[in-house]
Amino acid sequence: MKYIDLDSLPSYTKQELALHQLDRAIQLLLDEGDAISAITLGGASEEILGEMVKLHGGVSAHQALIDECVATGRVIHNEEWKSGEFHEVFAYYRNELKHYRQGSDITVTAECAHPVLDRAIENLRFLSLLESEQVRKYLDHRWS
């Protein structure tokens, strides 16, 4: 049996992992047209950065969107909308691509990756982290 010195292996902070995942997600989407991997990696980044936002006293981009929808139901429509239903809608692609669920086939396009990457970037901005070249490239692509 081979011995591996774990102390000699590189280690990464959760922030470093999230930023790397976000950059690779963008690269895969824009350079290779791989929306499936972009959603999976972007979703992981979104979740990590969202948890970091919470640790800093904020509300993740995902939760903020849900809260806005629930408030819209209450204020504009005078109805109580359940946050869980919005969570399922907003996390649909992220969850369908990383969990096994029986059901029908799924169609995945580049547009399906945009909300996931947008929320990850919103979390990044809340944390006042520097936007990488890949993030700027994505934003230029997204909003041009």
N, C-alpha and C. Protein backbone atom coordinates (compact mmCIF):
# COMPACT_ATOMS: atom_id res chain seq x y z
N MET A 1 0.85 -1.18 0.00
CA MET A 1 0.00 0.00 0.00
C MET A 1 0.89 1.24 0.00
N LYS A 2 0.51 2.20 -0.82
CA LYS A 2 1.28 3.43 -0.95
C LYS A 2 0.81 4.44 0.09
N TYR A 3 1.75 5.11 0.73
CA TYR A 3 1.47 6.13 1.73
C TYR A 3 1.41 7.50 1.04
N ILE A 4 0.38 8.26 1.32
CA ILE A 4 0.24 9.60 0.77
C ILE A 4 0.35 10.60 1.91
N ASP A 5 1.30 11.50 1.78
CA ASP A 5 1.48 12.55 2.78
C ASP A 5 0.47 13.65 2.49
N LEU A 6 -0.62 13.65 3.24
CA LEU A 6 -1.69 14.62 3.00
C LEU A 6 -1.23 16.05 3.20
N ASP A 7 -0.25 16.26 4.07
CA ASP A 7 0.25 17.61 4.31
C ASP A 7 0.98 18.19 3.09
N SER A 8 1.42 17.32 2.19
CA SER A 8 2.14 17.80 1.02
C SER A 8 1.20 18.14 -0.15
N LEU A 9 -0.05 17.79 -0.01
CA LEU A 9 -1.03 18.06 -1.07
C LEU A 9 -1.54 19.49 -0.95
N PRO A 10 -1.90 20.10 -2.08
CA PRO A 10 -2.43 21.47 -2.01
C PRO A 10 -3.78 21.48 -1.29
N SER A 11 -4.05 22.55 -0.60
CA SER A 11 -5.36 22.72 0.04
C SER A 11 -5.94 24.05 -0.41
N TYR A 12 -7.26 24.14 -0.35
CA TYR A 12 -7.96 25.32 -0.85
C TYR A 12 -9.00 25.75 0.16
N THR A 13 -9.20 27.05 0.25
CA THR A 13 -10.30 27.56 1.06
C THR A 13 -11.59 27.37 0.28
N LYS A 14 -12.71 27.44 0.98
CA LYS A 14 -14.00 27.34 0.29
C LYS A 14 -14.16 28.49 -0.71
N GLN A 15 -13.66 29.66 -0.36
CA GLN A 15 -13.73 30.79 -1.28
C GLN A 15 -12.94 30.51 -2.55
N GLU A 16 -11.73 29.98 -2.40
CA GLU A 16 -10.92 29.65 -3.58
C GLU A 16 -11.62 28.61 -4.44
N LEU A 17 -12.22 27.61 -3.81
CA LEU A 17 -12.94 26.58 -4.56
C LEU A 17 -14.11 27.19 -5.33
N ALA A 18 -14.88 28.04 -4.66
CA ALA A 18 -16.05 28.64 -5.31
C ALA A 18 -15.65 29.52 -6.48
N LEU A 19 -14.60 30.29 -6.33
CA LEU A 19 -14.15 31.16 -7.42
C LEU A 19 -13.62 30.34 -8.59
N HIS A 20 -12.90 29.27 -8.29
CA HIS A 20 -12.40 28.40 -9.35
C HIS A 20 -13.57 27.74 -10.09
N GLN A 21 -14.55 27.26 -9.33
CA GLN A 21 -15.72 26.63 -9.96
C GLN A 21 -16.47 27.61 -10.85
N LEU A 22 -16.61 28.84 -10.38
CA LEU A 22 -17.31 29.85 -11.16
C LEU A 22 -16.55 30.15 -12.45
N ASP A 23 -15.25 30.33 -12.36
CA ASP A 23 -14.45 30.60 -13.55
C ASP A 23 -14.54 29.46 -14.56
N ARG A 24 -14.44 28.22 -14.08
CA ARG A 24 -14.51 27.07 -14.99
C ARG A 24 -15.91 26.95 -15.59
N ALA A 25 -16.94 27.24 -14.80
CA ALA A 25 -18.31 27.17 -15.31
C ALA A 25 -18.47 28.15 -16.48
N ILE A 26 -17.98 29.35 -16.29
CA ILE A 26 -18.08 30.37 -17.34
C ILE A 26 -17.28 29.95 -18.57
N GLN A 27 -16.07 29.46 -18.34
CA GLN A 27 -15.22 29.01 -19.44
C GLN A 27 -15.89 27.89 -20.23
N LEU A 28 -16.45 26.93 -19.52
CA LEU A 28 -17.11 25.82 -20.19
C LEU A 28 -18.34 26.29 -20.98
N LEU A 29 -19.07 27.22 -20.45
CA LEU A 29 -20.25 27.72 -21.13
C LEU A 29 -19.88 28.53 -22.37
N LEU A 30 -19.00 29.50 -22.19
CA LEU A 30 -18.69 30.42 -23.29
C LEU A 30 -17.74 29.84 -24.32
N ASP A 31 -16.76 29.07 -23.89
CA ASP A 31 -15.75 28.57 -24.82
C ASP A 31 -16.08 27.21 -25.42
N GLU A 32 -16.86 26.41 -24.69
CA GLU A 32 -17.16 25.06 -25.17
C GLU A 32 -18.64 24.79 -25.36
N GLY A 33 -19.49 25.74 -24.97
CA GLY A 33 -20.92 25.55 -25.10
C GLY A 33 -21.47 24.45 -24.21
N ASP A 34 -20.79 24.16 -23.12
CA ASP A 34 -21.18 23.08 -22.21
C ASP A 34 -22.03 23.64 -21.07
N ALA A 35 -23.32 23.75 -21.33
CA ALA A 35 -24.24 24.30 -20.33
C ALA A 35 -24.43 23.35 -19.15
N ILE A 36 -24.37 22.05 -19.39
CA ILE A 36 -24.58 21.07 -18.32
C ILE A 36 -23.50 21.22 -17.24
N SER A 37 -22.24 21.21 -17.65
CA SER A 37 -21.16 21.37 -16.68
C SER A 37 -21.14 22.76 -16.08
N ALA A 38 -21.51 23.76 -16.88
CA ALA A 38 -21.55 25.14 -16.38
C ALA A 38 -22.58 25.26 -15.26
N ILE A 39 -23.72 24.65 -15.41
CA ILE A 39 -24.75 24.71 -14.37
C ILE A 39 -24.29 23.96 -13.13
N THR A 40 -23.70 22.81 -13.31
CA THR A 40 -23.25 22.01 -12.17
C THR A 40 -22.17 22.75 -11.38
N LEU A 41 -21.15 23.23 -12.05
CA LEU A 41 -20.08 23.96 -11.37
C LEU A 41 -20.55 25.32 -10.86
N GLY A 42 -21.33 26.02 -11.68
CA GLY A 42 -21.86 27.31 -11.26
C GLY A 42 -22.78 27.18 -10.06
N GLY A 43 -23.56 26.11 -10.02
CA GLY A 43 -24.44 25.86 -8.89
C GLY A 43 -23.67 25.59 -7.61
N ALA A 44 -22.57 24.84 -7.73
CA ALA A 44 -21.72 24.60 -6.55
C ALA A 44 -21.14 25.91 -6.05
N SER A 45 -20.67 26.73 -6.96
CA SER A 45 -20.12 28.04 -6.59
C SER A 45 -21.20 28.91 -5.95
N GLU A 46 -22.38 28.91 -6.55
CA GLU A 46 -23.49 29.71 -6.01
C GLU A 46 -23.80 29.30 -4.57
N GLU A 47 -23.83 28.00 -4.31
CA GLU A 47 -24.15 27.52 -2.96
C GLU A 47 -23.08 27.91 -1.95
N ILE A 48 -21.81 27.72 -2.31
CA ILE A 48 -20.73 28.06 -1.39
C ILE A 48 -20.71 29.56 -1.12
N LEU A 49 -20.76 30.36 -2.18
CA LEU A 49 -20.74 31.82 -2.00
C LEU A 49 -21.98 32.29 -1.25
N GLY A 50 -23.11 31.66 -1.50
CA GLY A 50 -24.34 32.01 -0.79
C GLY A 50 -24.22 31.75 0.70
N GLU A 51 -23.60 30.64 1.07
CA GLU A 51 -23.37 30.36 2.50
C GLU A 51 -22.41 31.38 3.10
N MET A 52 -21.42 31.79 2.33
CA MET A 52 -20.48 32.81 2.81
C MET A 52 -21.21 34.15 3.03
N VAL A 53 -22.13 34.47 2.12
CA VAL A 53 -22.93 35.69 2.27
C VAL A 53 -23.69 35.64 3.60
N LYS A 54 -24.31 34.49 3.88
CA LYS A 54 -25.06 34.34 5.14
C LYS A 54 -24.15 34.51 6.35
N LEU A 55 -22.95 33.94 6.27
CA LEU A 55 -21.99 34.07 7.38
C LEU A 55 -21.58 35.52 7.61
N HIS A 56 -21.68 36.33 6.57
CA HIS A 56 -21.35 37.76 6.68
C HIS A 56 -22.60 38.61 6.96
N GLY A 57 -23.69 37.96 7.35
CA GLY A 57 -24.89 38.69 7.74
C GLY A 57 -25.82 39.08 6.62
N GLY A 58 -25.58 38.55 5.43
CA GLY A 58 -26.42 38.91 4.29
C GLY A 58 -27.40 37.81 3.93
N VAL A 59 -28.08 38.03 2.83
CA VAL A 59 -29.03 37.07 2.28
C VAL A 59 -28.50 36.65 0.92
N SER A 60 -28.41 35.36 0.69
CA SER A 60 -27.89 34.88 -0.60
C SER A 60 -28.78 35.36 -1.73
N ALA A 61 -28.22 35.41 -2.93
CA ALA A 61 -28.97 35.84 -4.10
C ALA A 61 -30.17 34.93 -4.34
N HIS A 62 -29.99 33.64 -4.13
CA HIS A 62 -31.07 32.67 -4.30
C HIS A 62 -32.21 32.98 -3.33
N GLN A 63 -31.87 33.17 -2.05
CA GLN A 63 -32.90 33.44 -1.04
C GLN A 63 -33.54 34.80 -1.25
N ALA A 64 -32.76 35.79 -1.67
CA ALA A 64 -33.31 37.13 -1.92
C ALA A 64 -34.37 37.08 -3.02
N LEU A 65 -34.12 36.29 -4.05
CA LEU A 65 -35.08 36.15 -5.14
C LEU A 65 -36.36 35.50 -4.64
N ILE A 66 -36.22 34.47 -3.84
CA ILE A 66 -37.39 33.80 -3.25
C ILE A 66 -38.17 34.78 -2.39
N ASP A 67 -37.46 35.53 -1.54
CA ASP A 67 -38.12 36.49 -0.65
C ASP A 67 -38.88 37.55 -1.44
N GLU A 68 -38.32 38.00 -2.55
CA GLU A 68 -38.99 38.99 -3.40
C GLU A 68 -40.29 38.43 -3.98
N CYS A 69 -40.26 37.17 -4.40
CA CYS A 69 -41.46 36.55 -4.97
C CYS A 69 -42.54 36.39 -3.91
N VAL A 70 -42.16 35.93 -2.73
CA VAL A 70 -43.13 35.75 -1.65
C VAL A 70 -43.74 37.11 -1.27
N ALA A 71 -42.91 38.14 -1.21
CA ALA A 71 -43.40 39.49 -0.89
C ALA A 71 -44.34 40.00 -1.98
N THR A 72 -44.05 39.70 -3.23
CA THR A 72 -44.92 40.10 -4.33
C THR A 72 -46.30 39.48 -4.16
N GLY A 73 -46.34 38.21 -3.82
CA GLY A 73 -47.62 37.54 -3.60
C GLY A 73 -48.41 38.19 -2.48
N ARG A 74 -47.71 38.52 -1.40
CA ARG A 74 -48.37 39.11 -0.24
C ARG A 74 -48.83 40.54 -0.50
N VAL A 75 -47.95 41.37 -1.05
CA VAL A 75 -48.23 42.79 -1.20
C VAL A 75 -49.12 43.09 -2.40
N ILE A 76 -48.84 42.48 -3.52
CA ILE A 76 -49.57 42.82 -4.75
C ILE A 76 -50.82 41.96 -4.94
N HIS A 77 -50.71 40.69 -4.61
CA HIS A 77 -51.83 39.78 -4.87
C HIS A 77 -52.61 39.41 -3.61
N ASN A 78 -52.14 39.86 -2.45
CA ASN A 78 -52.79 39.56 -1.17
C ASN A 78 -52.94 38.05 -0.97
N GLU A 79 -51.89 37.32 -1.34
CA GLU A 79 -51.87 35.87 -1.22
C GLU A 79 -50.60 35.45 -0.50
N GLU A 80 -50.66 34.30 0.15
CA GLU A 80 -49.47 33.73 0.80
C GLU A 80 -48.86 32.69 -0.14
N TRP A 81 -47.74 33.03 -0.71
CA TRP A 81 -47.04 32.11 -1.60
C TRP A 81 -45.95 31.42 -0.80
N LYS A 82 -45.79 30.13 -1.01
CA LYS A 82 -44.82 29.34 -0.26
C LYS A 82 -43.42 29.47 -0.85
N SER A 83 -42.46 29.74 0.00
CA SER A 83 -41.09 29.92 -0.47
C SER A 83 -40.51 28.63 -1.06
N GLY A 84 -40.93 27.48 -0.54
CA GLY A 84 -40.41 26.20 -1.04
C GLY A 84 -40.69 25.98 -2.52
N GLU A 85 -41.83 26.45 -2.97
CA GLU A 85 -42.16 26.28 -4.39
C GLU A 85 -41.22 27.10 -5.27
N PHE A 86 -40.87 28.29 -4.80
CA PHE A 86 -39.94 29.12 -5.57
C PHE A 86 -38.53 28.53 -5.53
N HIS A 87 -38.18 27.96 -4.39
CA HIS A 87 -36.87 27.31 -4.30
C HIS A 87 -36.76 26.21 -5.35
N GLU A 88 -37.79 25.40 -5.47
CA GLU A 88 -37.78 24.31 -6.45
C GLU A 88 -37.64 24.84 -7.88
N VAL A 89 -38.32 25.93 -8.18
CA VAL A 89 -38.25 26.51 -9.53
C VAL A 89 -36.86 27.07 -9.80
N PHE A 90 -36.33 27.86 -8.86
CA PHE A 90 -35.05 28.53 -9.09
C PHE A 90 -33.86 27.58 -9.02
N ALA A 91 -34.02 26.45 -8.34
CA ALA A 91 -32.92 25.48 -8.22
C ALA A 91 -33.14 24.28 -9.14
N TYR A 92 -34.13 24.35 -10.01
CA TYR A 92 -34.51 23.19 -10.82
C TYR A 92 -33.33 22.61 -11.60
N TYR A 93 -32.68 23.40 -12.43
CA TYR A 93 -31.60 22.86 -13.27
C TYR A 93 -30.41 22.42 -12.42
N ARG A 94 -30.07 23.23 -11.44
CA ARG A 94 -28.95 22.89 -10.56
C ARG A 94 -29.19 21.52 -9.92
N ASN A 95 -30.39 21.30 -9.43
CA ASN A 95 -30.69 20.04 -8.75
C ASN A 95 -30.90 18.87 -9.70
N GLU A 96 -31.54 19.12 -10.83
CA GLU A 96 -31.76 18.04 -11.80
C GLU A 96 -30.44 17.49 -12.35
N LEU A 97 -29.43 18.33 -12.43
CA LEU A 97 -28.17 17.89 -13.02
C LEU A 97 -27.22 17.25 -12.01
N LYS A 98 -27.53 17.35 -10.72
CA LYS A 98 -26.62 16.75 -9.75
C LYS A 98 -27.27 15.65 -8.91
N HIS A 99 -28.58 15.46 -9.04
CA HIS A 99 -29.27 14.42 -8.27
C HIS A 99 -29.98 13.47 -9.21
N TYR A 100 -30.05 12.21 -8.82
CA TYR A 100 -30.82 11.26 -9.61
C TYR A 100 -32.27 11.33 -9.17
N ARG A 101 -33.12 11.63 -10.12
CA ARG A 101 -34.56 11.63 -9.89
C ARG A 101 -35.19 10.93 -11.08
N GLN A 102 -36.09 10.03 -10.80
CA GLN A 102 -36.77 9.38 -11.91
C GLN A 102 -37.71 10.37 -12.56
N GLY A 103 -37.77 10.30 -13.85
CA GLY A 103 -38.65 11.20 -14.58
C GLY A 103 -38.25 11.26 -16.03
N SER A 104 -38.71 12.29 -16.68
CA SER A 104 -38.46 12.41 -18.10
C SER A 104 -37.10 13.04 -18.38
N ASP A 105 -36.73 13.02 -19.64
CA ASP A 105 -35.48 13.65 -20.07
C ASP A 105 -35.56 15.15 -19.82
N ILE A 106 -34.42 15.79 -19.84
CA ILE A 106 -34.36 17.22 -19.57
C ILE A 106 -33.63 17.91 -20.72
N THR A 107 -34.13 19.04 -21.13
CA THR A 107 -33.48 19.86 -22.15
C THR A 107 -32.69 20.94 -21.45
N VAL A 108 -31.43 21.07 -21.81
CA VAL A 108 -30.55 22.06 -21.17
C VAL A 108 -29.92 22.92 -22.25
N THR A 109 -30.13 24.24 -22.14
CA THR A 109 -29.54 25.18 -23.08
C THR A 109 -28.65 26.15 -22.32
N ALA A 110 -27.91 26.94 -23.06
CA ALA A 110 -27.03 27.95 -22.43
C ALA A 110 -27.84 28.90 -21.56
N GLU A 111 -29.05 29.22 -21.99
CA GLU A 111 -29.90 30.14 -21.22
C GLU A 111 -30.26 29.57 -19.85
N CYS A 112 -30.25 28.26 -19.72
CA CYS A 112 -30.54 27.63 -18.43
C CYS A 112 -29.43 27.91 -17.42
N ALA A 113 -28.23 28.15 -17.90
CA ALA A 113 -27.08 28.41 -17.01
C ALA A 113 -27.06 29.84 -16.50
N HIS A 114 -27.66 30.76 -17.24
CA HIS A 114 -27.56 32.18 -16.88
C HIS A 114 -28.05 32.51 -15.47
N PRO A 115 -29.23 32.06 -15.05
CA PRO A 115 -29.67 32.42 -13.70
C PRO A 115 -28.73 31.90 -12.60
N VAL A 116 -28.19 30.71 -12.79
CA VAL A 116 -27.27 30.13 -11.80
C VAL A 116 -26.00 30.97 -11.72
N LEU A 117 -25.42 31.28 -12.86
CA LEU A 117 -24.20 32.09 -12.88
C LEU A 117 -24.46 33.51 -12.40
N ASP A 118 -25.61 34.07 -12.77
CA ASP A 118 -25.95 35.42 -12.31
C ASP A 118 -26.03 35.47 -10.79
N ARG A 119 -26.65 34.46 -10.17
CA ARG A 119 -26.77 34.45 -8.71
C ARG A 119 -25.42 34.24 -8.04
N ALA A 120 -24.57 33.41 -8.63
CA ALA A 120 -23.22 33.21 -8.06
C ALA A 120 -22.46 34.53 -8.09
N ILE A 121 -22.57 35.26 -9.20
CA ILE A 121 -21.88 36.55 -9.33
C ILE A 121 -22.48 37.58 -8.37
N GLU A 122 -23.78 37.55 -8.18
CA GLU A 122 -24.40 38.47 -7.21
C GLU A 122 -23.86 38.20 -5.80
N ASN A 123 -23.70 36.92 -5.45
CA ASN A 123 -23.11 36.57 -4.15
C ASN A 123 -21.66 37.05 -4.07
N LEU A 124 -20.92 36.87 -5.14
CA LEU A 124 -19.53 37.33 -5.22
C LEU A 124 -19.44 38.83 -4.96
N ARG A 125 -20.33 39.56 -5.57
CA ARG A 125 -20.34 41.02 -5.40
C ARG A 125 -20.73 41.42 -3.99
N PHE A 126 -21.68 40.71 -3.37
CA PHE A 126 -22.04 41.02 -2.00
C PHE A 126 -20.81 40.90 -1.09
N LEU A 127 -19.99 39.90 -1.37
CA LEU A 127 -18.80 39.65 -0.56
C LEU A 127 -17.65 40.59 -0.92
N SER A 128 -17.88 41.46 -1.88
CA SER A 128 -16.86 42.42 -2.35
C SER A 128 -15.60 41.72 -2.83
N LEU A 129 -15.77 40.57 -3.48
CA LEU A 129 -14.63 39.84 -4.03
C LEU A 129 -14.36 40.37 -5.43
N LEU A 130 -13.12 40.33 -5.83
CA LEU A 130 -12.74 40.82 -7.14
C LEU A 130 -13.34 39.94 -8.24
N GLU A 131 -13.81 40.58 -9.28
CA GLU A 131 -14.33 39.85 -10.42
C GLU A 131 -13.16 39.43 -11.31
N SER A 132 -13.11 38.15 -11.61
CA SER A 132 -12.05 37.62 -12.45
C SER A 132 -12.26 38.03 -13.90
N GLU A 133 -11.27 37.74 -14.71
CA GLU A 133 -11.39 37.99 -16.15
C GLU A 133 -12.55 37.19 -16.73
N GLN A 134 -12.74 35.96 -16.25
CA GLN A 134 -13.84 35.12 -16.74
C GLN A 134 -15.19 35.72 -16.38
N VAL A 135 -15.31 36.25 -15.17
CA VAL A 135 -16.58 36.87 -14.74
C VAL A 135 -16.87 38.08 -15.62
N ARG A 136 -15.86 38.90 -15.85
CA ARG A 136 -16.06 40.08 -16.71
C ARG A 136 -16.44 39.66 -18.13
N LYS A 137 -15.81 38.62 -18.62
CA LYS A 137 -16.12 38.10 -19.96
C LYS A 137 -17.58 37.63 -20.01
N TYR A 138 -18.00 36.93 -18.99
CA TYR A 138 -19.39 36.46 -18.93
C TYR A 138 -20.36 37.64 -18.90
N LEU A 139 -20.08 38.62 -18.07
CA LEU A 139 -20.96 39.78 -17.96
C LEU A 139 -21.05 40.54 -19.27
N ASP A 140 -19.91 40.69 -19.96
CA ASP A 140 -19.91 41.34 -21.28
C ASP A 140 -20.79 40.55 -22.25
N HIS A 141 -20.64 39.22 -22.23
CA HIS A 141 -21.42 38.34 -23.10
C HIS A 141 -22.91 38.43 -22.75
N ARG A 142 -23.20 38.39 -21.48
CA ARG A 142 -24.57 38.34 -20.99
C ARG A 142 -25.34 39.62 -21.28
N TRP A 143 -24.70 40.74 -21.14
CA TRP A 143 -25.41 42.01 -21.22
C TRP A 143 -25.07 42.84 -22.46
N SER A 144 -24.39 42.23 -23.44
CA SER A 144 -24.08 43.00 -24.67
C SER A 144 -25.12 42.73 -25.74
